[in-house]
Amino acid sequence: MDRKKVIIGLTGKLGSGKGTIAEILATKGFFSTSLSDRIREEIRSRNLDVTRERLLEVSDELRRKEGPTVLAKRTWEMVILCGKDRVVIDSIRGEAEVDYLTKQPGFYLVGVTVDVETRFLRIKERGRESDPQTLEEFKKVEERDVRSGKGLIGRNIQACLDKAEYTIENNGTVEELEKKIDKILVEVLE
């Protein structure tokens, strides 16, 4: 008997722990990909360096030229091509992306929430060169990330969070986070 296909999509603000959740799910046999991977691929195909600014610019450009679901469609193609029945998709930031993905079989959207100070400390710890270095810079990036573009084009993380079937509050430890993920897996893998 075939296993039920389960694709978990992750949405949340910068530093909320989406990448950590994707890593945890990967250890549980999930194939991991992200909408941001599609943007990085596009940037590299243009022989450009990947920077936070360029990620934002190219994602908005792609959405304007190819429609607001372009990243979701490209990622869904990757999900089909990978041939796995357990997949986690990170970096869902657009409302149209959520609307597209939630129509796909076996897809569940998980929103990740964390207070702003904790998120800022986490991104400081991870040390990516493209991450904001001050709380003020962080809040500016977040303001742009939370709501940019018009209508369904652009990023609107709050709208994505509002559409999540499951929400994880991630203000605790990685162990606590994994327990919350496991509770969701029990439900979606039934």
N, C-alpha and C. Protein backbone atom coordinates (compact mmCIF):
# COMPACT_ATOMS: atom_id res chain seq x y z
N MET A 1 0.83 -1.18 0.00
CA MET A 1 0.00 0.00 0.00
C MET A 1 0.88 1.25 0.00
N ASP A 2 0.54 2.23 -0.82
CA ASP A 2 1.30 3.47 -0.90
C ASP A 2 1.06 4.31 0.35
N ARG A 3 2.14 5.00 0.75
CA ARG A 3 2.01 5.93 1.87
C ARG A 3 1.31 7.20 1.41
N LYS A 4 0.60 7.79 2.32
CA LYS A 4 -0.06 9.06 2.05
C LYS A 4 1.01 10.13 1.79
N LYS A 5 0.82 10.91 0.72
CA LYS A 5 1.74 11.99 0.41
C LYS A 5 1.49 13.14 1.37
N VAL A 6 2.56 13.66 2.00
CA VAL A 6 2.46 14.78 2.93
C VAL A 6 3.51 15.82 2.59
N ILE A 7 3.04 17.01 2.25
CA ILE A 7 3.93 18.12 1.95
C ILE A 7 3.63 19.21 2.97
N ILE A 8 4.62 19.55 3.76
CA ILE A 8 4.45 20.57 4.79
C ILE A 8 5.11 21.85 4.31
N GLY A 9 4.29 22.91 4.22
CA GLY A 9 4.80 24.22 3.86
C GLY A 9 5.01 25.04 5.11
N LEU A 10 6.09 25.83 5.10
CA LEU A 10 6.42 26.65 6.27
C LEU A 10 6.36 28.13 5.93
N THR A 11 5.69 28.89 6.77
CA THR A 11 5.65 30.34 6.63
C THR A 11 5.90 30.96 7.99
N GLY A 12 6.51 32.11 7.97
CA GLY A 12 6.81 32.82 9.21
C GLY A 12 7.80 33.93 8.93
N LYS A 13 7.94 34.78 9.90
CA LYS A 13 8.82 35.94 9.75
C LYS A 13 10.29 35.54 9.85
N LEU A 14 11.15 36.42 9.43
CA LEU A 14 12.60 36.23 9.46
C LEU A 14 13.06 35.80 10.85
N GLY A 15 13.80 34.70 10.92
CA GLY A 15 14.33 34.22 12.18
C GLY A 15 13.36 33.46 13.05
N SER A 16 12.23 33.05 12.49
CA SER A 16 11.22 32.37 13.31
C SER A 16 11.54 30.89 13.55
N GLY A 17 12.47 30.34 12.79
CA GLY A 17 12.83 28.94 12.98
C GLY A 17 12.35 28.01 11.89
N LYS A 18 11.93 28.57 10.76
CA LYS A 18 11.46 27.73 9.65
C LYS A 18 12.56 26.79 9.17
N GLY A 19 13.78 27.32 9.07
CA GLY A 19 14.91 26.49 8.63
C GLY A 19 15.21 25.36 9.60
N THR A 20 15.08 25.64 10.88
CA THR A 20 15.29 24.60 11.90
C THR A 20 14.22 23.52 11.77
N ILE A 21 12.99 23.92 11.53
CA ILE A 21 11.91 22.94 11.34
C ILE A 21 12.20 22.09 10.10
N ALA A 22 12.64 22.74 9.02
CA ALA A 22 12.97 21.99 7.80
C ALA A 22 14.09 20.98 8.08
N GLU A 23 15.08 21.37 8.86
CA GLU A 23 16.18 20.46 9.22
C GLU A 23 15.65 19.29 10.05
N ILE A 24 14.79 19.57 11.01
CA ILE A 24 14.21 18.52 11.85
C ILE A 24 13.43 17.53 10.97
N LEU A 25 12.61 18.08 10.07
CA LEU A 25 11.83 17.20 9.19
C LEU A 25 12.73 16.40 8.25
N ALA A 26 13.84 16.98 7.83
CA ALA A 26 14.78 16.25 6.97
C ALA A 26 15.34 15.04 7.72
N THR A 27 15.58 15.18 9.03
CA THR A 27 16.07 14.03 9.80
C THR A 27 15.00 12.95 9.95
N LYS A 28 13.75 13.32 9.68
CA LYS A 28 12.64 12.37 9.75
C LYS A 28 12.27 11.84 8.37
N GLY A 29 13.16 12.07 7.38
CA GLY A 29 12.97 11.52 6.05
C GLY A 29 12.28 12.42 5.05
N PHE A 30 12.05 13.68 5.39
CA PHE A 30 11.42 14.61 4.46
C PHE A 30 12.46 15.19 3.50
N PHE A 31 12.10 15.27 2.22
CA PHE A 31 12.89 16.00 1.24
C PHE A 31 12.65 17.48 1.51
N SER A 32 13.72 18.27 1.56
CA SER A 32 13.59 19.68 1.92
C SER A 32 13.93 20.59 0.74
N THR A 33 13.06 21.54 0.48
CA THR A 33 13.29 22.55 -0.55
C THR A 33 12.62 23.83 -0.09
N SER A 34 12.82 24.92 -0.84
CA SER A 34 12.20 26.18 -0.46
C SER A 34 11.92 27.05 -1.67
N LEU A 35 10.99 27.96 -1.50
CA LEU A 35 10.73 28.92 -2.56
C LEU A 35 11.95 29.81 -2.77
N SER A 36 12.68 30.10 -1.71
CA SER A 36 13.90 30.89 -1.84
C SER A 36 14.95 30.18 -2.68
N ASP A 37 14.96 28.85 -2.66
CA ASP A 37 15.89 28.10 -3.53
C ASP A 37 15.65 28.44 -4.99
N ARG A 38 14.36 28.59 -5.36
CA ARG A 38 14.04 28.92 -6.75
C ARG A 38 14.58 30.30 -7.12
N ILE A 39 14.53 31.24 -6.17
CA ILE A 39 15.05 32.58 -6.42
C ILE A 39 16.57 32.52 -6.55
N ARG A 40 17.23 31.78 -5.65
CA ARG A 40 18.69 31.63 -5.73
C ARG A 40 19.10 31.02 -7.07
N GLU A 41 18.35 30.02 -7.51
CA GLU A 41 18.65 29.40 -8.81
C GLU A 41 18.55 30.42 -9.93
N GLU A 42 17.52 31.26 -9.88
CA GLU A 42 17.34 32.30 -10.89
C GLU A 42 18.50 33.29 -10.86
N ILE A 43 18.90 33.71 -9.68
CA ILE A 43 20.00 34.67 -9.54
C ILE A 43 21.29 34.07 -10.08
N ARG A 44 21.57 32.81 -9.71
CA ARG A 44 22.80 32.16 -10.18
C ARG A 44 22.77 31.95 -11.69
N SER A 45 21.59 31.70 -12.26
CA SER A 45 21.49 31.53 -13.72
C SER A 45 21.85 32.83 -14.44
N ARG A 46 21.77 33.94 -13.73
CA ARG A 46 22.15 35.24 -14.29
C ARG A 46 23.60 35.61 -13.96
N ASN A 47 24.31 34.66 -13.35
CA ASN A 47 25.72 34.87 -12.94
C ASN A 47 25.88 36.06 -11.99
N LEU A 48 24.96 36.18 -11.05
CA LEU A 48 25.01 37.25 -10.05
C LEU A 48 25.22 36.64 -8.67
N ASP A 49 25.72 37.45 -7.76
CA ASP A 49 25.88 37.02 -6.37
C ASP A 49 24.53 37.07 -5.67
N VAL A 50 24.31 36.12 -4.77
CA VAL A 50 23.08 36.07 -4.00
C VAL A 50 23.24 36.96 -2.77
N THR A 51 22.40 37.98 -2.69
CA THR A 51 22.35 38.87 -1.52
C THR A 51 20.89 38.99 -1.10
N ARG A 52 20.66 39.44 0.12
CA ARG A 52 19.28 39.61 0.61
C ARG A 52 18.53 40.57 -0.30
N GLU A 53 19.16 41.69 -0.67
CA GLU A 53 18.52 42.67 -1.54
C GLU A 53 18.16 42.05 -2.88
N ARG A 54 19.10 41.29 -3.45
CA ARG A 54 18.84 40.67 -4.75
C ARG A 54 17.74 39.62 -4.65
N LEU A 55 17.69 38.87 -3.56
CA LEU A 55 16.61 37.91 -3.37
C LEU A 55 15.25 38.61 -3.43
N LEU A 56 15.16 39.74 -2.76
CA LEU A 56 13.90 40.48 -2.75
C LEU A 56 13.58 41.04 -4.13
N GLU A 57 14.58 41.63 -4.77
CA GLU A 57 14.37 42.24 -6.09
C GLU A 57 13.95 41.20 -7.13
N VAL A 58 14.68 40.08 -7.17
CA VAL A 58 14.41 39.07 -8.18
C VAL A 58 13.08 38.38 -7.92
N SER A 59 12.74 38.15 -6.66
CA SER A 59 11.44 37.52 -6.37
C SER A 59 10.30 38.42 -6.82
N ASP A 60 10.40 39.71 -6.53
CA ASP A 60 9.36 40.63 -6.97
C ASP A 60 9.30 40.72 -8.49
N GLU A 61 10.46 40.73 -9.13
CA GLU A 61 10.51 40.78 -10.60
C GLU A 61 9.84 39.54 -11.21
N LEU A 62 10.17 38.37 -10.68
CA LEU A 62 9.57 37.13 -11.19
C LEU A 62 8.06 37.14 -11.02
N ARG A 63 7.61 37.61 -9.87
CA ARG A 63 6.16 37.65 -9.61
C ARG A 63 5.46 38.61 -10.58
N ARG A 64 6.10 39.74 -10.87
CA ARG A 64 5.49 40.69 -11.81
C ARG A 64 5.45 40.11 -13.23
N LYS A 65 6.55 39.48 -13.64
CA LYS A 65 6.65 38.98 -15.02
C LYS A 65 5.88 37.68 -15.26
N GLU A 66 5.93 36.76 -14.29
CA GLU A 66 5.37 35.42 -14.51
C GLU A 66 4.16 35.12 -13.63
N GLY A 67 3.75 36.09 -12.84
CA GLY A 67 2.59 35.90 -11.99
C GLY A 67 2.97 35.61 -10.55
N PRO A 68 2.05 35.87 -9.63
CA PRO A 68 2.35 35.76 -8.20
C PRO A 68 2.58 34.33 -7.70
N THR A 69 2.26 33.33 -8.53
CA THR A 69 2.46 31.94 -8.08
C THR A 69 3.71 31.30 -8.68
N VAL A 70 4.54 32.08 -9.37
CA VAL A 70 5.68 31.53 -10.10
C VAL A 70 6.59 30.69 -9.20
N LEU A 71 6.91 31.16 -8.02
CA LEU A 71 7.83 30.43 -7.13
C LEU A 71 7.17 29.15 -6.60
N ALA A 72 5.89 29.24 -6.29
CA ALA A 72 5.16 28.06 -5.82
C ALA A 72 5.08 27.02 -6.93
N LYS A 73 4.80 27.45 -8.15
CA LYS A 73 4.71 26.50 -9.27
C LYS A 73 6.05 25.83 -9.55
N ARG A 74 7.11 26.63 -9.56
CA ARG A 74 8.45 26.06 -9.79
C ARG A 74 8.81 25.07 -8.69
N THR A 75 8.45 25.40 -7.46
CA THR A 75 8.76 24.51 -6.34
C THR A 75 7.90 23.26 -6.39
N TRP A 76 6.64 23.40 -6.77
CA TRP A 76 5.78 22.22 -6.88
C TRP A 76 6.31 21.26 -7.95
N GLU A 77 6.83 21.81 -9.04
CA GLU A 77 7.47 20.96 -10.07
C GLU A 77 8.62 20.18 -9.46
N MET A 78 9.40 20.85 -8.60
CA MET A 78 10.51 20.19 -7.91
C MET A 78 9.99 19.07 -7.00
N VAL A 79 8.88 19.33 -6.32
CA VAL A 79 8.27 18.32 -5.44
C VAL A 79 7.88 17.09 -6.26
N ILE A 80 7.29 17.30 -7.41
CA ILE A 80 6.89 16.18 -8.27
C ILE A 80 8.10 15.42 -8.78
N LEU A 81 9.11 16.18 -9.22
CA LEU A 81 10.32 15.56 -9.78
C LEU A 81 11.12 14.78 -8.74
N CYS A 82 11.08 15.21 -7.49
CA CYS A 82 11.88 14.52 -6.46
C CYS A 82 11.35 13.11 -6.19
N GLY A 83 10.06 12.88 -6.48
CA GLY A 83 9.48 11.56 -6.32
C GLY A 83 9.28 11.11 -4.88
N LYS A 84 9.42 12.02 -3.94
CA LYS A 84 9.27 11.67 -2.51
C LYS A 84 7.83 11.90 -2.07
N ASP A 85 7.40 11.14 -1.07
CA ASP A 85 6.05 11.34 -0.55
C ASP A 85 6.05 12.10 0.78
N ARG A 86 7.23 12.53 1.21
CA ARG A 86 7.36 13.37 2.40
C ARG A 86 8.26 14.54 2.01
N VAL A 87 7.68 15.76 2.00
CA VAL A 87 8.41 16.95 1.55
C VAL A 87 8.11 18.10 2.50
N VAL A 88 9.12 18.93 2.74
CA VAL A 88 8.93 20.18 3.47
C VAL A 88 9.35 21.32 2.53
N ILE A 89 8.50 22.34 2.44
CA ILE A 89 8.76 23.51 1.60
C ILE A 89 8.88 24.72 2.52
N ASP A 90 10.04 25.33 2.52
CA ASP A 90 10.32 26.49 3.36
C ASP A 90 10.10 27.78 2.57
N SER A 91 10.04 28.88 3.29
CA SER A 91 10.08 30.24 2.72
C SER A 91 8.85 30.63 1.91
N ILE A 92 7.68 30.26 2.36
CA ILE A 92 6.45 30.67 1.69
C ILE A 92 6.08 32.04 2.25
N ARG A 93 6.11 33.05 1.37
CA ARG A 93 5.91 34.42 1.83
C ARG A 93 4.76 35.15 1.15
N GLY A 94 4.22 34.59 0.09
CA GLY A 94 3.18 35.28 -0.67
C GLY A 94 1.82 34.62 -0.53
N GLU A 95 0.81 35.43 -0.44
CA GLU A 95 -0.55 34.92 -0.28
C GLU A 95 -0.98 34.07 -1.48
N ALA A 96 -0.62 34.49 -2.68
CA ALA A 96 -0.96 33.72 -3.88
C ALA A 96 -0.24 32.37 -3.87
N GLU A 97 0.97 32.35 -3.31
CA GLU A 97 1.72 31.08 -3.19
C GLU A 97 0.96 30.12 -2.28
N VAL A 98 0.47 30.63 -1.17
CA VAL A 98 -0.31 29.81 -0.24
C VAL A 98 -1.56 29.29 -0.94
N ASP A 99 -2.26 30.18 -1.64
CA ASP A 99 -3.49 29.78 -2.32
C ASP A 99 -3.22 28.69 -3.35
N TYR A 100 -2.11 28.79 -4.07
CA TYR A 100 -1.75 27.77 -5.06
C TYR A 100 -1.40 26.44 -4.38
N LEU A 101 -0.53 26.51 -3.38
CA LEU A 101 -0.05 25.28 -2.74
C LEU A 101 -1.14 24.55 -1.96
N THR A 102 -2.05 25.29 -1.33
CA THR A 102 -3.09 24.62 -0.54
C THR A 102 -4.07 23.84 -1.42
N LYS A 103 -4.03 24.09 -2.72
CA LYS A 103 -4.87 23.33 -3.65
C LYS A 103 -4.20 22.03 -4.09
N GLN A 104 -2.94 21.84 -3.72
CA GLN A 104 -2.20 20.65 -4.14
C GLN A 104 -2.46 19.51 -3.15
N PRO A 105 -2.48 18.29 -3.66
CA PRO A 105 -2.78 17.15 -2.78
C PRO A 105 -1.71 16.94 -1.72
N GLY A 106 -2.18 16.74 -0.50
CA GLY A 106 -1.28 16.41 0.61
C GLY A 106 -0.56 17.59 1.22
N PHE A 107 -0.94 18.81 0.86
CA PHE A 107 -0.23 20.00 1.36
C PHE A 107 -0.86 20.53 2.65
N TYR A 108 0.00 20.85 3.61
CA TYR A 108 -0.41 21.44 4.88
C TYR A 108 0.47 22.65 5.16
N LEU A 109 -0.12 23.78 5.50
CA LEU A 109 0.65 24.98 5.81
C LEU A 109 0.81 25.14 7.31
N VAL A 110 2.06 25.31 7.73
CA VAL A 110 2.40 25.51 9.14
C VAL A 110 2.99 26.91 9.29
N GLY A 111 2.37 27.71 10.14
CA GLY A 111 2.89 29.04 10.45
C GLY A 111 3.75 28.97 11.70
N VAL A 112 4.85 29.71 11.69
CA VAL A 112 5.77 29.72 12.82
C VAL A 112 5.83 31.14 13.37
N THR A 113 5.53 31.29 14.64
CA THR A 113 5.53 32.60 15.28
C THR A 113 6.52 32.64 16.43
N VAL A 114 7.16 33.82 16.57
CA VAL A 114 8.15 34.06 17.62
C VAL A 114 8.20 35.57 17.86
N ASP A 115 8.47 35.98 19.09
CA ASP A 115 8.57 37.41 19.36
C ASP A 115 9.79 38.00 18.64
N VAL A 116 9.73 39.30 18.36
CA VAL A 116 10.72 39.97 17.53
C VAL A 116 12.13 39.93 18.13
N GLU A 117 12.27 40.12 19.42
CA GLU A 117 13.60 40.13 20.03
C GLU A 117 14.27 38.76 19.92
N THR A 118 13.51 37.71 20.16
CA THR A 118 14.06 36.35 20.03
C THR A 118 14.49 36.09 18.60
N ARG A 119 13.67 36.50 17.64
CA ARG A 119 14.03 36.29 16.23
C ARG A 119 15.30 37.04 15.87
N PHE A 120 15.44 38.28 16.34
CA PHE A 120 16.64 39.05 16.05
C PHE A 120 17.88 38.37 16.63
N LEU A 121 17.79 37.92 17.87
CA LEU A 121 18.93 37.22 18.49
C LEU A 121 19.30 35.96 17.71
N ARG A 122 18.30 35.25 17.22
CA ARG A 122 18.56 34.02 16.46
C ARG A 122 19.28 34.31 15.15
N ILE A 123 18.87 35.36 14.45
CA ILE A 123 19.56 35.63 13.19
C ILE A 123 20.97 36.16 13.44
N LYS A 124 21.17 36.85 14.55
CA LYS A 124 22.53 37.28 14.91
C LYS A 124 23.41 36.06 15.15
N GLU A 125 22.85 35.05 15.84
CA GLU A 125 23.60 33.82 16.14
C GLU A 125 23.94 33.03 14.88
N ARG A 126 23.01 33.01 13.91
CA ARG A 126 23.29 32.20 12.71
C ARG A 126 24.36 32.85 11.85
N GLY A 127 24.51 34.17 11.92
CA GLY A 127 25.65 34.84 11.32
C GLY A 127 25.71 34.89 9.80
N ARG A 128 24.58 34.91 9.13
CA ARG A 128 24.61 35.07 7.67
C ARG A 128 25.00 36.50 7.34
N GLU A 129 25.88 36.63 6.34
CA GLU A 129 26.38 37.96 5.99
C GLU A 129 25.27 38.89 5.50
N SER A 130 24.20 38.35 4.97
CA SER A 130 23.13 39.19 4.41
C SER A 130 22.10 39.60 5.46
N ASP A 131 22.20 39.08 6.68
CA ASP A 131 21.22 39.40 7.71
C ASP A 131 21.49 40.77 8.32
N PRO A 132 20.43 41.46 8.75
CA PRO A 132 20.57 42.77 9.39
C PRO A 132 21.39 42.65 10.68
N GLN A 133 22.18 43.68 10.97
CA GLN A 133 23.09 43.62 12.11
C GLN A 133 22.57 44.35 13.36
N THR A 134 21.57 45.21 13.19
CA THR A 134 20.99 45.90 14.34
C THR A 134 19.50 45.61 14.40
N LEU A 135 18.92 45.80 15.58
CA LEU A 135 17.48 45.58 15.74
C LEU A 135 16.70 46.54 14.84
N GLU A 136 17.18 47.76 14.68
CA GLU A 136 16.52 48.73 13.80
C GLU A 136 16.51 48.24 12.35
N GLU A 137 17.67 47.77 11.86
CA GLU A 137 17.75 47.22 10.50
C GLU A 137 16.82 46.02 10.36
N PHE A 138 16.82 45.18 11.38
CA PHE A 138 15.99 43.98 11.39
C PHE A 138 14.52 44.35 11.23
N LYS A 139 14.08 45.35 11.99
CA LYS A 139 12.68 45.77 11.94
C LYS A 139 12.32 46.36 10.57
N LYS A 140 13.27 47.06 9.93
CA LYS A 140 13.03 47.61 8.59
C LYS A 140 12.87 46.49 7.57
N VAL A 141 13.76 45.50 7.64
CA VAL A 141 13.67 44.35 6.73
C VAL A 141 12.36 43.63 6.95
N GLU A 142 12.00 43.45 8.21
CA GLU A 142 10.77 42.75 8.55
C GLU A 142 9.54 43.50 8.04
N GLU A 143 9.54 44.80 8.19
CA GLU A 143 8.40 45.60 7.72
C GLU A 143 8.19 45.38 6.22
N ARG A 144 9.29 45.34 5.48
CA ARG A 144 9.21 45.13 4.03
C ARG A 144 8.78 43.69 3.74
N ASP A 145 9.28 42.75 4.53
CA ASP A 145 8.98 41.33 4.33
C ASP A 145 7.54 40.99 4.68
N VAL A 146 7.03 41.62 5.72
CA VAL A 146 5.70 41.31 6.21
C VAL A 146 4.64 41.75 5.20
N ARG A 147 4.86 42.86 4.54
CA ARG A 147 3.87 43.34 3.57
C ARG A 147 4.57 44.15 2.50
N SER A 148 4.70 43.60 1.32
CA SER A 148 5.26 44.33 0.18
C SER A 148 4.45 44.00 -1.05
N GLY A 149 4.54 44.83 -2.03
CA GLY A 149 3.80 44.57 -3.26
C GLY A 149 2.34 44.93 -3.11
N LYS A 150 1.59 44.70 -4.14
CA LYS A 150 0.17 45.04 -4.14
C LYS A 150 -0.66 43.78 -4.30
N GLY A 151 -1.70 43.68 -3.51
CA GLY A 151 -2.60 42.53 -3.62
C GLY A 151 -1.87 41.23 -3.41
N LEU A 152 -2.07 40.30 -4.32
CA LEU A 152 -1.46 38.98 -4.18
C LEU A 152 -0.03 38.94 -4.69
N ILE A 153 0.44 40.02 -5.33
CA ILE A 153 1.83 40.05 -5.80
C ILE A 153 2.67 40.65 -4.69
N GLY A 154 3.77 39.99 -4.37
CA GLY A 154 4.65 40.45 -3.32
C GLY A 154 4.55 39.57 -2.09
N ARG A 155 5.23 40.00 -1.05
CA ARG A 155 5.27 39.24 0.20
C ARG A 155 4.21 39.78 1.15
N ASN A 156 3.53 38.88 1.82
CA ASN A 156 2.57 39.25 2.84
C ASN A 156 2.54 38.11 3.86
N ILE A 157 3.55 38.10 4.70
CA ILE A 157 3.71 36.99 5.63
C ILE A 157 2.55 36.89 6.60
N GLN A 158 2.02 38.03 7.03
CA GLN A 158 0.89 37.97 7.97
C GLN A 158 -0.31 37.28 7.34
N ALA A 159 -0.59 37.58 6.06
CA ALA A 159 -1.70 36.91 5.37
C ALA A 159 -1.44 35.41 5.28
N CYS A 160 -0.18 35.03 5.06
CA CYS A 160 0.18 33.61 5.01
C CYS A 160 -0.04 32.96 6.38
N LEU A 161 0.42 33.63 7.42
CA LEU A 161 0.23 33.10 8.78
C LEU A 161 -1.25 32.93 9.10
N ASP A 162 -2.06 33.89 8.64
CA ASP A 162 -3.49 33.82 8.90
C ASP A 162 -4.14 32.62 8.22
N LYS A 163 -3.53 32.13 7.12
CA LYS A 163 -4.09 31.00 6.38
C LYS A 163 -3.53 29.65 6.81
N ALA A 164 -2.60 29.66 7.75
CA ALA A 164 -1.96 28.41 8.19
C ALA A 164 -2.96 27.48 8.86
N GLU A 165 -2.86 26.20 8.53
CA GLU A 165 -3.71 25.18 9.17
C GLU A 165 -3.20 24.86 10.57
N TYR A 166 -1.91 25.01 10.77
CA TYR A 166 -1.28 24.78 12.06
C TYR A 166 -0.37 25.96 12.37
N THR A 167 -0.27 26.31 13.65
CA THR A 167 0.64 27.37 14.07
C THR A 167 1.50 26.84 15.20
N ILE A 168 2.79 27.07 15.07
CA ILE A 168 3.75 26.69 16.11
C ILE A 168 4.32 27.97 16.71
N GLU A 169 4.19 28.13 18.02
CA GLU A 169 4.87 29.22 18.71
C GLU A 169 6.24 28.69 19.08
N ASN A 170 7.27 29.35 18.59
CA ASN A 170 8.64 28.84 18.71
C ASN A 170 9.51 29.74 19.56
N ASN A 171 9.10 29.98 20.79
CA ASN A 171 9.90 30.79 21.70
C ASN A 171 10.76 29.94 22.63
N GLY A 172 10.72 28.62 22.48
CA GLY A 172 11.44 27.73 23.39
C GLY A 172 12.68 27.11 22.79
N THR A 173 12.96 25.90 23.25
CA THR A 173 14.16 25.17 22.82
C THR A 173 13.87 24.37 21.54
N VAL A 174 14.93 23.87 20.94
CA VAL A 174 14.79 23.02 19.75
C VAL A 174 14.04 21.74 20.12
N GLU A 175 14.29 21.23 21.32
CA GLU A 175 13.60 20.02 21.77
C GLU A 175 12.09 20.26 21.88
N GLU A 176 11.71 21.41 22.44
CA GLU A 176 10.29 21.75 22.53
C GLU A 176 9.68 21.92 21.14
N LEU A 177 10.45 22.52 20.24
CA LEU A 177 10.00 22.70 18.86
C LEU A 177 9.75 21.35 18.19
N GLU A 178 10.67 20.42 18.39
CA GLU A 178 10.51 19.10 17.78
C GLU A 178 9.27 18.39 18.30
N LYS A 179 8.97 18.54 19.58
CA LYS A 179 7.75 17.93 20.14
C LYS A 179 6.50 18.51 19.48
N LYS A 180 6.51 19.82 19.22
CA LYS A 180 5.36 20.46 18.56
C LYS A 180 5.22 19.95 17.12
N ILE A 181 6.34 19.78 16.45
CA ILE A 181 6.32 19.25 15.09
C ILE A 181 5.77 17.82 15.10
N ASP A 182 6.24 17.03 16.04
CA ASP A 182 5.78 15.63 16.14
C ASP A 182 4.27 15.55 16.34
N LYS A 183 3.70 16.47 17.12
CA LYS A 183 2.24 16.47 17.33
C LYS A 183 1.52 16.72 16.01
N ILE A 184 2.04 17.64 15.20
CA ILE A 184 1.43 17.91 13.90
C ILE A 184 1.58 16.70 12.98
N LEU A 185 2.76 16.07 13.00
CA LEU A 185 2.98 14.90 12.15
C LEU A 185 2.02 13.77 12.47
N VAL A 186 1.72 13.58 13.74
CA VAL A 186 0.75 12.53 14.12
C VAL A 186 -0.57 12.78 13.42
N GLU A 187 -0.99 14.02 13.36
CA GLU A 187 -2.27 14.35 12.72
C GLU A 187 -2.22 14.20 11.21
N VAL A 188 -1.18 14.76 10.57
CA VAL A 188 -1.17 14.78 9.09
C VAL A 188 -0.76 13.46 8.47
N LEU A 189 -0.09 12.60 9.22
CA LEU A 189 0.35 11.32 8.68
C LEU A 189 -0.67 10.21 8.86
N GLU A 190 -1.78 10.49 9.57
CA GLU A 190 -2.83 9.48 9.80
C GLU A 190 -3.35 8.92 8.50
